[in-house]
Amino acid sequence: MNSNILKTCSGRFVDEENNLTLEQICEICRTNSKLIIEMVDEGIVEPEGEENSSWRFSYSCIETVRIVVRMQKDLRVNLPGAALALQLLKQMK
């Protein structure tokens, strides 16, 4: 089988005009709504809308969610620790 058939794409989302629902961000990031809700409670991601059924997430939240999921999986960082790490990363930029 030719290994060039499958290629990995990476990049940053720049379309801020359309927002994602809770279900869509869960599907894209391959995680569950409980974790996203916990991230909102921790202040890691900030959706628009009052209730989680009407929340809309910007595309930039995808990168943040993926980073946090990776921190939890690879480094076993809890959500408060991930929030602190993200804050420190922003300060370094």
C-alpha atoms as a PDB file:
ATOM      1  CA  MET A   1       0.000   0.000   0.000  1.00  0.00           C
ATOM      2  CA  ASN A   2       1.326   3.397  -0.925  1.00  0.00           C
ATOM      3  CA  SER A   3       1.990   5.499   2.195  1.00  0.00           C
ATOM      4  CA  ASN A   4       1.452   8.710   0.237  1.00  0.00           C
ATOM      5  CA  ILE A   5      -2.267   8.040  -0.073  1.00  0.00           C
ATOM      6  CA  LEU A   6      -3.013   9.259   3.424  1.00  0.00           C
ATOM      7  CA  LYS A   7      -1.709  12.689   4.276  1.00  0.00           C
ATOM      8  CA  THR A   8      -2.137  14.572   7.517  1.00  0.00           C
ATOM      9  CA  CYS A   9      -3.371  18.113   7.273  1.00  0.00           C
ATOM     10  CA  SER A  10      -2.697  20.638   9.946  1.00  0.00           C
ATOM     11  CA  GLY A  11      -3.218  24.331  10.401  1.00  0.00           C
ATOM     12  CA  ARG A  12      -5.261  26.877  12.235  1.00  0.00           C
ATOM     13  CA  PHE A  13      -8.880  27.729  11.707  1.00  0.00           C
ATOM     14  CA  VAL A  14      -9.434  31.307  10.620  1.00  0.00           C
ATOM     15  CA  ASP A  15     -13.156  31.311   9.835  1.00  0.00           C
ATOM     16  CA  GLU A  16     -14.641  33.191  12.771  1.00  0.00           C
ATOM     17  CA  GLU A  17     -17.940  33.977  11.046  1.00  0.00           C
ATOM     18  CA  ASN A  18     -19.490  30.569  11.678  1.00  0.00           C
ATOM     19  CA  ASN A  19     -19.574  29.109  15.161  1.00  0.00           C
ATOM     20  CA  LEU A  20     -19.806  25.519  16.329  1.00  0.00           C
ATOM     21  CA  THR A  21     -22.418  23.903  18.545  1.00  0.00           C
ATOM     22  CA  LEU A  22     -21.438  21.854  21.589  1.00  0.00           C
ATOM     23  CA  GLU A  23     -22.108  18.676  19.629  1.00  0.00           C
ATOM     24  CA  GLN A  24     -19.961  19.814  16.700  1.00  0.00           C
ATOM     25  CA  ILE A  25     -16.959  20.745  18.826  1.00  0.00           C
ATOM     26  CA  CYS A  26     -17.235  17.396  20.631  1.00  0.00           C
ATOM     27  CA  GLU A  27     -17.272  15.557  17.319  1.00  0.00           C
ATOM     28  CA  ILE A  28     -14.367  17.528  15.844  1.00  0.00           C
ATOM     29  CA  CYS A  29     -12.226  17.169  18.978  1.00  0.00           C
ATOM     30  CA  ARG A  30     -13.314  13.574  19.594  1.00  0.00           C
ATOM     31  CA  THR A  31     -14.338  14.208  23.174  1.00  0.00           C
ATOM     32  CA  ASN A  32     -17.530  14.265  25.203  1.00  0.00           C
ATOM     33  CA  SER A  33     -19.762  17.138  26.196  1.00  0.00           C
ATOM     34  CA  LYS A  34     -19.007  16.641  29.900  1.00  0.00           C
ATOM     35  CA  LEU A  35     -15.367  17.574  29.342  1.00  0.00           C
ATOM     36  CA  ILE A  36     -16.271  20.624  27.248  1.00  0.00           C
ATOM     37  CA  ILE A  37     -18.723  21.779  29.934  1.00  0.00           C
ATOM     38  CA  GLU A  38     -15.991  21.346  32.559  1.00  0.00           C
ATOM     39  CA  MET A  39     -13.629  23.403  30.375  1.00  0.00           C
ATOM     40  CA  VAL A  40     -16.249  26.159  30.182  1.00  0.00           C
ATOM     41  CA  ASP A  41     -16.689  26.051  33.969  1.00  0.00           C
ATOM     42  CA  GLU A  42     -12.904  26.311  34.383  1.00  0.00           C
ATOM     43  CA  GLY A  43     -12.740  29.264  31.971  1.00  0.00           C
ATOM     44  CA  ILE A  44     -10.584  27.425  29.439  1.00  0.00           C
ATOM     45  CA  VAL A  45     -13.029  28.018  26.582  1.00  0.00           C
ATOM     46  CA  GLU A  46     -15.727  30.673  26.470  1.00  0.00           C
ATOM     47  CA  PRO A  47     -18.782  30.011  24.330  1.00  0.00           C
ATOM     48  CA  GLU A  48     -21.398  32.512  23.299  1.00  0.00           C
ATOM     49  CA  GLY A  49     -24.892  31.877  24.638  1.00  0.00           C
ATOM     50  CA  GLU A  50     -26.550  31.359  27.990  1.00  0.00           C
ATOM     51  CA  GLU A  51     -27.176  27.629  28.254  1.00  0.00           C
ATOM     52  CA  ASN A  52     -25.120  24.738  26.947  1.00  0.00           C
ATOM     53  CA  SER A  53     -27.921  23.875  24.517  1.00  0.00           C
ATOM     54  CA  SER A  54     -27.477  27.282  22.847  1.00  0.00           C
ATOM     55  CA  TRP A  55     -23.699  27.617  23.216  1.00  0.00           C
ATOM     56  CA  ARG A  56     -21.691  28.530  20.132  1.00  0.00           C
ATOM     57  CA  PHE A  57     -17.928  28.053  20.071  1.00  0.00           C
ATOM     58  CA  SER A  58     -15.491  29.868  17.830  1.00  0.00           C
ATOM     59  CA  TYR A  59     -13.231  27.789  15.629  1.00  0.00           C
ATOM     60  CA  SER A  60     -10.237  28.899  17.717  1.00  0.00           C
ATOM     61  CA  CYS A  61     -11.672  26.839  20.596  1.00  0.00           C
ATOM     62  CA  ILE A  62     -10.842  23.674  18.668  1.00  0.00           C
ATOM     63  CA  GLU A  63      -7.114  24.209  19.090  1.00  0.00           C
ATOM     64  CA  THR A  64      -7.531  24.960  22.793  1.00  0.00           C
ATOM     65  CA  VAL A  65      -9.662  21.866  23.415  1.00  0.00           C
ATOM     66  CA  ARG A  66      -7.205  19.659  21.544  1.00  0.00           C
ATOM     67  CA  ILE A  67      -4.273  21.040  23.545  1.00  0.00           C
ATOM     68  CA  VAL A  68      -6.066  20.399  26.837  1.00  0.00           C
ATOM     69  CA  VAL A  69      -7.111  16.884  25.820  1.00  0.00           C
ATOM     70  CA  ARG A  70      -3.501  16.175  24.903  1.00  0.00           C
ATOM     71  CA  MET A  71      -2.235  17.573  28.229  1.00  0.00           C
ATOM     72  CA  GLN A  72      -4.654  15.325  30.073  1.00  0.00           C
ATOM     73  CA  LYS A  73      -3.790  12.247  28.059  1.00  0.00           C
ATOM     74  CA  ASP A  74      -0.019  12.626  27.783  1.00  0.00           C
ATOM     75  CA  LEU A  75       0.836  14.506  30.977  1.00  0.00           C
ATOM     76  CA  ARG A  76      -2.141  13.644  33.207  1.00  0.00           C
ATOM     77  CA  VAL A  77      -2.756  17.334  33.868  1.00  0.00           C
ATOM     78  CA  ASN A  78      -6.068  18.198  35.531  1.00  0.00           C
ATOM     79  CA  LEU A  79      -8.253  21.016  34.188  1.00  0.00           C
ATOM     80  CA  PRO A  80      -7.063  23.699  36.651  1.00  0.00           C
ATOM     81  CA  GLY A  81      -3.477  22.787  35.753  1.00  0.00           C
ATOM     82  CA  ALA A  82      -4.285  22.932  32.055  1.00  0.00           C
ATOM     83  CA  ALA A  83      -5.904  26.355  32.502  1.00  0.00           C
ATOM     84  CA  LEU A  84      -2.761  27.614  34.235  1.00  0.00           C
ATOM     85  CA  ALA A  85      -0.497  26.118  31.563  1.00  0.00           C
ATOM     86  CA  LEU A  86      -2.546  27.773  28.803  1.00  0.00           C
ATOM     87  CA  GLN A  87      -2.377  31.105  30.609  1.00  0.00           C
ATOM     88  CA  LEU A  88       1.415  30.816  30.885  1.00  0.00           C
ATOM     89  CA  LEU A  89       1.697  29.865  27.207  1.00  0.00           C
ATOM     90  CA  LYS A  90      -0.299  32.979  26.245  1.00  0.00           C
ATOM     91  CA  GLN A  91       2.027  35.155  28.321  1.00  0.00           C
ATOM     92  CA  MET A  92       5.049  33.707  26.525  1.00  0.00           C
ATOM     93  CA  LYS A  93       3.697  34.671  23.076  1.00  0.00           C
END
